[in-house]
Amino acid sequence: MKSRYGPPALALAMLPGLIVGGPSWSQDGRPEYVPNELLIKLKDGVAEAQIQSLLATVQTETVEQFQLVPIYHVSVPNGTFLQAQASLTDHPAVEYVERNYYRYIDAAPNDPQYPSMWGLDNTGQTGGTPDADIDAPQAWDLTTGDGNLVVAVIDSGIDLGHEDL
């Protein structure tokens, strides 16, 4: 059985004074999902005319249509989020509807010496000033590099037998 509202929408609907469809924040202070956006998975064999009619009925604006799977990424006007979500969920051509959730990469090295590398992420662990560092974990949330890229460090003080090299 399909749920009419996902947990975030239900929680927002039960708390008066909040903007329904607005941002929700995770425990670490990052937004959980994009406000007023939905991902709609259609059932196989749904005609394009039926899809367009459905999207027009709930007044959504298509942000993106994925080609490999019949999924539409749509934006819903302010004030109509719960109604649009309910209408789409109940429609026979729709397999499921969900919010456009953010996914975050939390990449940290498995180096046993990482906690002592205060220059990467200084929490004051060696008596230094917290956050006096290069913000490496924040950068790793954006990218962890490219495996096709080779970086060479040329320095006469390199220990070529070191396990990290």
N, C-alpha and C. Protein backbone atom coordinates (compact mmCIF):
# COMPACT_ATOMS: atom_id res chain seq x y z
N MET A 1 0.84 -1.19 0.00
CA MET A 1 0.00 0.00 0.00
C MET A 1 0.88 1.24 0.00
N LYS A 2 0.56 2.21 -0.84
CA LYS A 2 1.35 3.43 -0.93
C LYS A 2 1.01 4.36 0.22
N SER A 3 2.02 5.01 0.75
CA SER A 3 1.81 6.01 1.77
C SER A 3 1.42 7.32 1.09
N ARG A 4 0.40 7.96 1.59
CA ARG A 4 -0.04 9.22 0.98
C ARG A 4 1.04 10.28 1.13
N TYR A 5 1.68 10.35 2.28
CA TYR A 5 2.72 11.34 2.51
C TYR A 5 3.94 10.63 3.09
N GLY A 6 5.13 11.00 2.58
CA GLY A 6 6.35 10.45 3.16
C GLY A 6 6.56 11.04 4.54
N PRO A 7 7.42 10.47 5.35
CA PRO A 7 7.64 10.95 6.71
C PRO A 7 7.93 12.43 6.84
N PRO A 8 8.80 13.03 5.99
CA PRO A 8 9.05 14.47 6.16
C PRO A 8 7.80 15.31 5.94
N ALA A 9 7.00 14.96 4.93
CA ALA A 9 5.80 15.74 4.65
C ALA A 9 4.81 15.61 5.79
N LEU A 10 4.66 14.41 6.34
CA LEU A 10 3.74 14.19 7.43
C LEU A 10 4.19 14.98 8.65
N ALA A 11 5.47 14.94 8.93
CA ALA A 11 5.99 15.67 10.08
C ALA A 11 5.75 17.17 9.91
N LEU A 12 5.96 17.69 8.72
CA LEU A 12 5.72 19.12 8.47
C LEU A 12 4.25 19.46 8.56
N ALA A 13 3.38 18.56 8.09
CA ALA A 13 1.95 18.83 8.11
C ALA A 13 1.44 18.87 9.55
N MET A 14 2.07 18.13 10.46
CA MET A 14 1.61 18.07 11.83
C MET A 14 2.13 19.23 12.67
N LEU A 15 3.10 19.98 12.17
CA LEU A 15 3.66 21.08 12.93
C LEU A 15 3.16 22.41 12.37
N PRO A 16 2.18 23.03 13.02
CA PRO A 16 1.63 24.29 12.48
C PRO A 16 2.69 25.39 12.47
N GLY A 17 2.56 26.26 11.48
CA GLY A 17 3.47 27.40 11.37
C GLY A 17 4.65 27.15 10.46
N LEU A 18 4.88 25.90 10.07
CA LEU A 18 5.96 25.62 9.15
C LEU A 18 5.45 25.70 7.72
N ILE A 19 6.33 26.02 6.80
CA ILE A 19 5.97 26.06 5.39
C ILE A 19 5.98 24.63 4.88
N VAL A 20 4.84 24.14 4.47
CA VAL A 20 4.75 22.77 3.97
C VAL A 20 5.51 22.69 2.66
N GLY A 21 6.39 21.72 2.57
CA GLY A 21 7.23 21.57 1.38
C GLY A 21 8.53 22.32 1.50
N GLY A 22 8.68 23.08 2.59
CA GLY A 22 9.90 23.84 2.81
C GLY A 22 11.03 22.96 3.29
N PRO A 23 12.18 23.54 3.62
CA PRO A 23 13.34 22.73 3.97
C PRO A 23 13.18 22.03 5.32
N SER A 24 13.80 20.89 5.43
CA SER A 24 13.91 20.16 6.69
C SER A 24 15.40 19.94 6.88
N TRP A 25 15.84 20.02 8.12
CA TRP A 25 17.27 19.96 8.38
C TRP A 25 17.62 18.68 9.09
N SER A 26 18.74 18.08 8.69
CA SER A 26 19.22 16.87 9.33
C SER A 26 19.90 17.23 10.64
N GLN A 27 20.28 16.22 11.41
CA GLN A 27 20.90 16.47 12.71
C GLN A 27 22.23 17.20 12.59
N ASP A 28 22.91 17.07 11.45
CA ASP A 28 24.19 17.75 11.30
C ASP A 28 24.05 19.12 10.65
N GLY A 29 22.81 19.63 10.54
CA GLY A 29 22.58 20.98 10.06
C GLY A 29 22.50 21.14 8.56
N ARG A 30 22.50 20.04 7.82
CA ARG A 30 22.38 20.12 6.36
C ARG A 30 20.94 19.85 5.95
N PRO A 31 20.47 20.48 4.87
CA PRO A 31 19.09 20.22 4.44
C PRO A 31 18.91 18.77 4.01
N GLU A 32 17.73 18.20 4.31
CA GLU A 32 17.44 16.81 3.95
C GLU A 32 16.97 16.67 2.51
N TYR A 33 16.24 17.66 2.02
CA TYR A 33 15.68 17.56 0.67
C TYR A 33 15.49 18.95 0.08
N VAL A 34 15.31 18.99 -1.23
CA VAL A 34 15.09 20.24 -1.94
C VAL A 34 13.65 20.68 -1.71
N PRO A 35 13.42 21.88 -1.21
CA PRO A 35 12.05 22.33 -0.96
C PRO A 35 11.22 22.35 -2.25
N ASN A 36 9.97 21.92 -2.13
CA ASN A 36 8.99 21.98 -3.21
C ASN A 36 9.38 21.21 -4.46
N GLU A 37 10.16 20.15 -4.30
CA GLU A 37 10.50 19.31 -5.44
C GLU A 37 10.14 17.86 -5.15
N LEU A 38 9.69 17.17 -6.20
CA LEU A 38 9.31 15.76 -6.10
C LEU A 38 9.95 14.96 -7.22
N LEU A 39 10.13 13.68 -6.97
CA LEU A 39 10.54 12.72 -7.99
C LEU A 39 9.35 11.79 -8.18
N ILE A 40 8.89 11.65 -9.41
CA ILE A 40 7.71 10.85 -9.72
C ILE A 40 8.12 9.69 -10.60
N LYS A 41 7.93 8.47 -10.12
CA LYS A 41 8.21 7.26 -10.91
C LYS A 41 6.89 6.79 -11.50
N LEU A 42 6.84 6.73 -12.82
CA LEU A 42 5.63 6.31 -13.51
C LEU A 42 5.66 4.81 -13.78
N LYS A 43 4.49 4.26 -13.88
CA LYS A 43 4.38 2.84 -14.22
C LYS A 43 4.74 2.65 -15.68
N ASP A 44 5.18 1.44 -16.02
CA ASP A 44 5.54 1.12 -17.40
C ASP A 44 4.32 1.27 -18.32
N GLY A 45 4.57 1.77 -19.51
CA GLY A 45 3.54 1.85 -20.54
C GLY A 45 2.63 3.07 -20.46
N VAL A 46 2.97 4.04 -19.63
CA VAL A 46 2.15 5.25 -19.54
C VAL A 46 2.44 6.13 -20.75
N ALA A 47 1.37 6.56 -21.43
CA ALA A 47 1.51 7.37 -22.64
C ALA A 47 1.98 8.78 -22.29
N GLU A 48 2.76 9.38 -23.18
CA GLU A 48 3.30 10.73 -22.97
C GLU A 48 2.18 11.75 -22.76
N ALA A 49 1.08 11.62 -23.49
CA ALA A 49 -0.05 12.55 -23.34
C ALA A 49 -0.63 12.46 -21.93
N GLN A 50 -0.72 11.25 -21.39
CA GLN A 50 -1.25 11.06 -20.04
C GLN A 50 -0.31 11.68 -19.00
N ILE A 51 0.99 11.54 -19.22
CA ILE A 51 1.97 12.12 -18.31
C ILE A 51 1.85 13.64 -18.29
N GLN A 52 1.80 14.25 -19.47
CA GLN A 52 1.71 15.70 -19.55
C GLN A 52 0.42 16.21 -18.93
N SER A 53 -0.67 15.50 -19.14
CA SER A 53 -1.96 15.88 -18.55
C SER A 53 -1.88 15.81 -17.02
N LEU A 54 -1.29 14.74 -16.52
CA LEU A 54 -1.13 14.56 -15.08
C LEU A 54 -0.31 15.69 -14.47
N LEU A 55 0.83 16.00 -15.08
CA LEU A 55 1.71 17.05 -14.55
C LEU A 55 1.05 18.42 -14.62
N ALA A 56 0.27 18.67 -15.66
CA ALA A 56 -0.43 19.94 -15.78
C ALA A 56 -1.54 20.06 -14.74
N THR A 57 -2.20 18.96 -14.43
CA THR A 57 -3.29 18.96 -13.46
C THR A 57 -2.81 19.40 -12.09
N VAL A 58 -1.64 18.94 -11.68
CA VAL A 58 -1.11 19.32 -10.36
C VAL A 58 -0.21 20.54 -10.43
N GLN A 59 -0.15 21.17 -11.58
CA GLN A 59 0.58 22.43 -11.79
C GLN A 59 2.07 22.33 -11.45
N THR A 60 2.68 21.23 -11.83
CA THR A 60 4.12 21.10 -11.61
C THR A 60 4.87 21.63 -12.81
N GLU A 61 6.12 21.96 -12.58
CA GLU A 61 7.01 22.36 -13.66
C GLU A 61 8.12 21.31 -13.74
N THR A 62 8.28 20.71 -14.90
CA THR A 62 9.29 19.66 -15.04
C THR A 62 10.69 20.28 -15.02
N VAL A 63 11.50 19.79 -14.09
CA VAL A 63 12.89 20.23 -13.98
C VAL A 63 13.75 19.34 -14.86
N GLU A 64 13.46 18.03 -14.82
CA GLU A 64 14.26 17.07 -15.58
C GLU A 64 13.43 15.80 -15.79
N GLN A 65 13.63 15.18 -16.93
CA GLN A 65 13.00 13.90 -17.23
C GLN A 65 14.13 12.90 -17.49
N PHE A 66 14.18 11.84 -16.70
CA PHE A 66 15.23 10.85 -16.86
C PHE A 66 14.85 9.89 -17.98
N GLN A 67 15.77 9.59 -18.85
CA GLN A 67 15.50 8.81 -20.05
C GLN A 67 15.48 7.30 -19.80
N LEU A 68 16.37 6.78 -18.97
CA LEU A 68 16.47 5.34 -18.79
C LEU A 68 15.30 4.76 -18.00
N VAL A 69 14.76 5.52 -17.08
CA VAL A 69 13.66 5.09 -16.24
C VAL A 69 12.60 6.18 -16.32
N PRO A 70 11.31 5.82 -16.38
CA PRO A 70 10.28 6.87 -16.47
C PRO A 70 10.10 7.62 -15.15
N ILE A 71 11.08 8.48 -14.83
CA ILE A 71 11.03 9.30 -13.62
C ILE A 71 11.07 10.77 -14.02
N TYR A 72 10.20 11.54 -13.39
CA TYR A 72 10.16 12.98 -13.62
C TYR A 72 10.58 13.70 -12.35
N HIS A 73 11.46 14.66 -12.50
CA HIS A 73 11.89 15.53 -11.42
C HIS A 73 11.11 16.82 -11.63
N VAL A 74 10.21 17.15 -10.68
CA VAL A 74 9.32 18.30 -10.87
C VAL A 74 9.40 19.28 -9.70
N SER A 75 9.05 20.50 -9.99
CA SER A 75 8.95 21.56 -9.00
C SER A 75 7.47 21.86 -8.80
N VAL A 76 7.08 22.01 -7.53
CA VAL A 76 5.69 22.25 -7.17
C VAL A 76 5.56 23.68 -6.65
N PRO A 77 4.54 24.43 -7.09
CA PRO A 77 4.38 25.81 -6.60
C PRO A 77 4.17 25.86 -5.08
N ASN A 78 4.64 26.93 -4.45
CA ASN A 78 4.44 27.12 -3.01
C ASN A 78 2.96 27.03 -2.68
N GLY A 79 2.66 26.41 -1.56
CA GLY A 79 1.29 26.34 -1.08
C GLY A 79 0.49 25.18 -1.62
N THR A 80 1.02 24.47 -2.61
CA THR A 80 0.26 23.35 -3.18
C THR A 80 0.99 22.02 -3.03
N PHE A 81 2.03 22.00 -2.23
CA PHE A 81 2.89 20.83 -2.16
C PHE A 81 2.15 19.56 -1.72
N LEU A 82 1.49 19.60 -0.56
CA LEU A 82 0.82 18.40 -0.05
C LEU A 82 -0.30 17.94 -0.98
N GLN A 83 -1.04 18.87 -1.53
CA GLN A 83 -2.12 18.52 -2.46
C GLN A 83 -1.55 17.86 -3.71
N ALA A 84 -0.49 18.42 -4.25
CA ALA A 84 0.14 17.84 -5.45
C ALA A 84 0.70 16.46 -5.13
N GLN A 85 1.36 16.32 -4.00
CA GLN A 85 1.93 15.04 -3.62
C GLN A 85 0.83 13.98 -3.45
N ALA A 86 -0.27 14.34 -2.82
CA ALA A 86 -1.37 13.40 -2.63
C ALA A 86 -2.01 13.02 -3.96
N SER A 87 -2.23 13.99 -4.84
CA SER A 87 -2.84 13.72 -6.14
C SER A 87 -1.96 12.79 -6.97
N LEU A 88 -0.68 13.04 -6.96
CA LEU A 88 0.24 12.21 -7.73
C LEU A 88 0.33 10.80 -7.15
N THR A 89 0.37 10.69 -5.82
CA THR A 89 0.48 9.38 -5.18
C THR A 89 -0.75 8.52 -5.48
N ASP A 90 -1.92 9.14 -5.52
CA ASP A 90 -3.17 8.41 -5.75
C ASP A 90 -3.44 8.10 -7.22
N HIS A 91 -2.68 8.68 -8.12
CA HIS A 91 -2.95 8.50 -9.56
C HIS A 91 -2.55 7.09 -10.00
N PRO A 92 -3.40 6.43 -10.80
CA PRO A 92 -3.11 5.05 -11.21
C PRO A 92 -1.88 4.89 -12.11
N ALA A 93 -1.42 5.96 -12.76
CA ALA A 93 -0.25 5.87 -13.63
C ALA A 93 1.06 6.02 -12.87
N VAL A 94 0.98 6.36 -11.58
CA VAL A 94 2.17 6.64 -10.78
C VAL A 94 2.52 5.45 -9.90
N GLU A 95 3.77 5.03 -10.00
CA GLU A 95 4.25 3.93 -9.15
C GLU A 95 4.59 4.44 -7.76
N TYR A 96 5.34 5.56 -7.68
CA TYR A 96 5.62 6.19 -6.38
C TYR A 96 6.01 7.64 -6.57
N VAL A 97 5.90 8.40 -5.47
CA VAL A 97 6.28 9.81 -5.42
C VAL A 97 7.12 10.00 -4.18
N GLU A 98 8.22 10.72 -4.30
CA GLU A 98 9.02 11.02 -3.12
C GLU A 98 9.68 12.37 -3.27
N ARG A 99 10.12 12.91 -2.15
CA ARG A 99 10.83 14.19 -2.16
C ARG A 99 12.18 14.01 -2.86
N ASN A 100 12.75 15.10 -3.29
CA ASN A 100 14.06 15.10 -3.92
C ASN A 100 15.10 15.26 -2.80
N TYR A 101 15.49 14.13 -2.22
CA TYR A 101 16.41 14.12 -1.08
C TYR A 101 17.84 14.40 -1.52
N TYR A 102 18.55 15.11 -0.67
CA TYR A 102 19.98 15.29 -0.86
C TYR A 102 20.69 14.03 -0.35
N ARG A 103 21.78 13.70 -0.96
CA ARG A 103 22.65 12.63 -0.47
C ARG A 103 24.03 13.24 -0.33
N TYR A 104 24.64 13.03 0.81
CA TYR A 104 25.93 13.63 1.10
C TYR A 104 26.99 12.54 1.20
N ILE A 105 28.15 12.84 0.68
CA ILE A 105 29.28 11.95 0.80
C ILE A 105 30.03 12.36 2.07
N ASP A 106 30.22 11.43 2.94
CA ASP A 106 31.01 11.69 4.14
C ASP A 106 32.28 10.85 4.03
N ALA A 107 33.24 11.39 3.32
CA ALA A 107 34.48 10.66 3.07
C ALA A 107 35.55 11.10 4.04
N ALA A 108 36.09 10.14 4.74
CA ALA A 108 37.22 10.40 5.62
C ALA A 108 38.21 9.26 5.41
N PRO A 109 39.49 9.55 5.48
CA PRO A 109 40.48 8.50 5.25
C PRO A 109 40.47 7.46 6.37
N ASN A 110 40.92 6.26 6.03
CA ASN A 110 41.02 5.20 7.03
C ASN A 110 42.42 5.12 7.63
N ASP A 111 43.22 6.12 7.41
CA ASP A 111 44.58 6.18 7.94
C ASP A 111 44.51 6.26 9.47
N PRO A 112 45.18 5.35 10.18
CA PRO A 112 45.13 5.39 11.65
C PRO A 112 45.72 6.67 12.24
N GLN A 113 46.55 7.38 11.47
CA GLN A 113 47.14 8.63 11.94
C GLN A 113 46.27 9.85 11.63
N TYR A 114 45.15 9.65 10.94
CA TYR A 114 44.29 10.77 10.54
C TYR A 114 43.90 11.67 11.72
N PRO A 115 43.49 11.12 12.86
CA PRO A 115 43.09 12.01 13.96
C PRO A 115 44.19 12.96 14.43
N SER A 116 45.44 12.62 14.20
CA SER A 116 46.52 13.51 14.63
C SER A 116 46.92 14.52 13.55
N MET A 117 46.32 14.44 12.38
CA MET A 117 46.65 15.36 11.28
C MET A 117 45.82 16.63 11.41
N TRP A 118 46.19 17.48 12.36
CA TRP A 118 45.41 18.67 12.67
C TRP A 118 45.31 19.64 11.51
N GLY A 119 46.22 19.59 10.57
CA GLY A 119 46.18 20.50 9.42
C GLY A 119 45.02 20.19 8.48
N LEU A 120 44.52 18.95 8.52
CA LEU A 120 43.39 18.58 7.67
C LEU A 120 42.06 18.94 8.33
N ASP A 121 41.94 18.58 9.62
CA ASP A 121 40.69 18.84 10.36
C ASP A 121 41.06 19.07 11.82
N ASN A 122 41.20 20.32 12.19
CA ASN A 122 41.65 20.67 13.53
C ASN A 122 40.46 20.82 14.46
N THR A 123 40.36 19.87 15.40
CA THR A 123 39.31 19.94 16.41
C THR A 123 39.89 20.39 17.75
N GLY A 124 41.15 20.80 17.72
CA GLY A 124 41.86 21.16 18.94
C GLY A 124 42.48 19.94 19.59
N GLN A 125 42.58 18.85 18.83
CA GLN A 125 43.04 17.57 19.37
C GLN A 125 44.47 17.59 19.91
N THR A 126 45.31 18.51 19.46
CA THR A 126 46.67 18.56 20.00
C THR A 126 46.91 19.86 20.76
N GLY A 127 45.81 20.46 21.22
CA GLY A 127 45.91 21.70 21.97
C GLY A 127 45.90 22.94 21.09
N GLY A 128 45.74 22.76 19.79
CA GLY A 128 45.72 23.89 18.87
C GLY A 128 44.37 24.58 18.81
N THR A 129 44.23 25.46 17.87
CA THR A 129 42.99 26.22 17.69
C THR A 129 42.03 25.43 16.82
N PRO A 130 40.85 25.09 17.33
CA PRO A 130 39.88 24.37 16.52
C PRO A 130 39.56 25.12 15.23
N ASP A 131 39.45 24.39 14.16
CA ASP A 131 39.13 24.86 12.81
C ASP A 131 40.22 25.71 12.18
N ALA A 132 41.43 25.67 12.73
CA ALA A 132 42.57 26.30 12.08
C ALA A 132 43.19 25.23 11.19
N ASP A 133 42.54 24.97 10.07
CA ASP A 133 42.94 23.87 9.19
C ASP A 133 42.53 24.20 7.75
N ILE A 134 42.71 23.24 6.86
CA ILE A 134 42.37 23.47 5.45
C ILE A 134 40.96 22.98 5.10
N ASP A 135 40.18 22.57 6.10
CA ASP A 135 38.80 22.10 5.90
C ASP A 135 38.73 20.92 4.93
N ALA A 136 39.62 19.96 5.09
CA ALA A 136 39.66 18.80 4.21
C ALA A 136 38.34 18.02 4.20
N PRO A 137 37.69 17.74 5.36
CA PRO A 137 36.44 16.99 5.29
C PRO A 137 35.35 17.70 4.48
N GLN A 138 35.30 19.02 4.56
CA GLN A 138 34.32 19.76 3.78
C GLN A 138 34.63 19.65 2.29
N ALA A 139 35.90 19.64 1.93
CA ALA A 139 36.29 19.47 0.53
C ALA A 139 35.96 18.06 0.06
N TRP A 140 36.19 17.06 0.93
CA TRP A 140 35.90 15.68 0.56
C TRP A 140 34.41 15.44 0.39
N ASP A 141 33.57 16.27 1.00
CA ASP A 141 32.12 16.16 0.76
C ASP A 141 31.78 16.56 -0.67
N LEU A 142 32.63 17.37 -1.29
CA LEU A 142 32.41 17.81 -2.67
C LEU A 142 33.03 16.88 -3.69
N THR A 143 34.26 16.44 -3.42
CA THR A 143 34.95 15.53 -4.33
C THR A 143 36.09 14.84 -3.60
N THR A 144 36.39 13.65 -4.06
CA THR A 144 37.54 12.94 -3.51
C THR A 144 38.58 12.70 -4.59
N GLY A 145 38.47 13.44 -5.67
CA GLY A 145 39.48 13.38 -6.71
C GLY A 145 39.09 12.54 -7.90
N ASP A 146 40.07 12.30 -8.74
CA ASP A 146 39.89 11.58 -10.00
C ASP A 146 40.95 10.50 -10.08
N GLY A 147 40.53 9.24 -10.17
CA GLY A 147 41.46 8.13 -10.23
C GLY A 147 42.34 8.14 -11.46
N ASN A 148 41.97 8.91 -12.48
CA ASN A 148 42.77 8.99 -13.70
C ASN A 148 43.84 10.07 -13.63
N LEU A 149 43.85 10.83 -12.54
CA LEU A 149 44.80 11.92 -12.38
C LEU A 149 45.98 11.43 -11.56
N VAL A 150 47.18 11.66 -12.04
CA VAL A 150 48.40 11.26 -11.34
C VAL A 150 49.07 12.52 -10.80
N VAL A 151 49.40 12.49 -9.53
CA VAL A 151 50.08 13.62 -8.90
C VAL A 151 51.45 13.14 -8.45
N ALA A 152 52.47 13.88 -8.79
CA ALA A 152 53.82 13.53 -8.37
C ALA A 152 54.35 14.63 -7.46
N VAL A 153 54.96 14.21 -6.35
CA VAL A 153 55.60 15.15 -5.44
C VAL A 153 57.09 14.91 -5.54
N ILE A 154 57.83 15.94 -5.92
CA ILE A 154 59.28 15.79 -6.07
C ILE A 154 59.93 16.56 -4.94
N ASP A 155 60.58 15.82 -4.06
CA ASP A 155 61.19 16.41 -2.87
C ASP A 155 62.27 15.45 -2.39
N SER A 156 63.39 15.96 -2.01
CA SER A 156 64.50 15.10 -1.58
C SER A 156 64.24 14.44 -0.24
N GLY A 157 63.17 14.82 0.47
CA GLY A 157 62.89 14.25 1.79
C GLY A 157 61.83 13.18 1.79
N ILE A 158 61.48 12.60 0.65
CA ILE A 158 60.44 11.58 0.59
C ILE A 158 60.98 10.23 0.99
N ASP A 159 60.23 9.54 1.82
CA ASP A 159 60.56 8.17 2.18
C ASP A 159 59.85 7.26 1.18
N LEU A 160 60.54 6.83 0.15
CA LEU A 160 59.93 6.04 -0.91
C LEU A 160 59.39 4.71 -0.42
N GLY A 161 59.83 4.24 0.73
CA GLY A 161 59.32 3.00 1.28
C GLY A 161 58.12 3.17 2.18
N HIS A 162 57.62 4.42 2.33
CA HIS A 162 56.48 4.67 3.21
C HIS A 162 55.22 4.03 2.64
N GLU A 163 54.39 3.44 3.51
CA GLU A 163 53.21 2.69 3.09
C GLU A 163 52.19 3.53 2.32
N ASP A 164 52.10 4.84 2.60
CA ASP A 164 51.15 5.69 1.88
C ASP A 164 51.57 5.99 0.45
N LEU A 165 52.85 5.79 0.15
CA LEU A 165 53.33 6.08 -1.20
C LEU A 165 53.44 4.80 -2.00
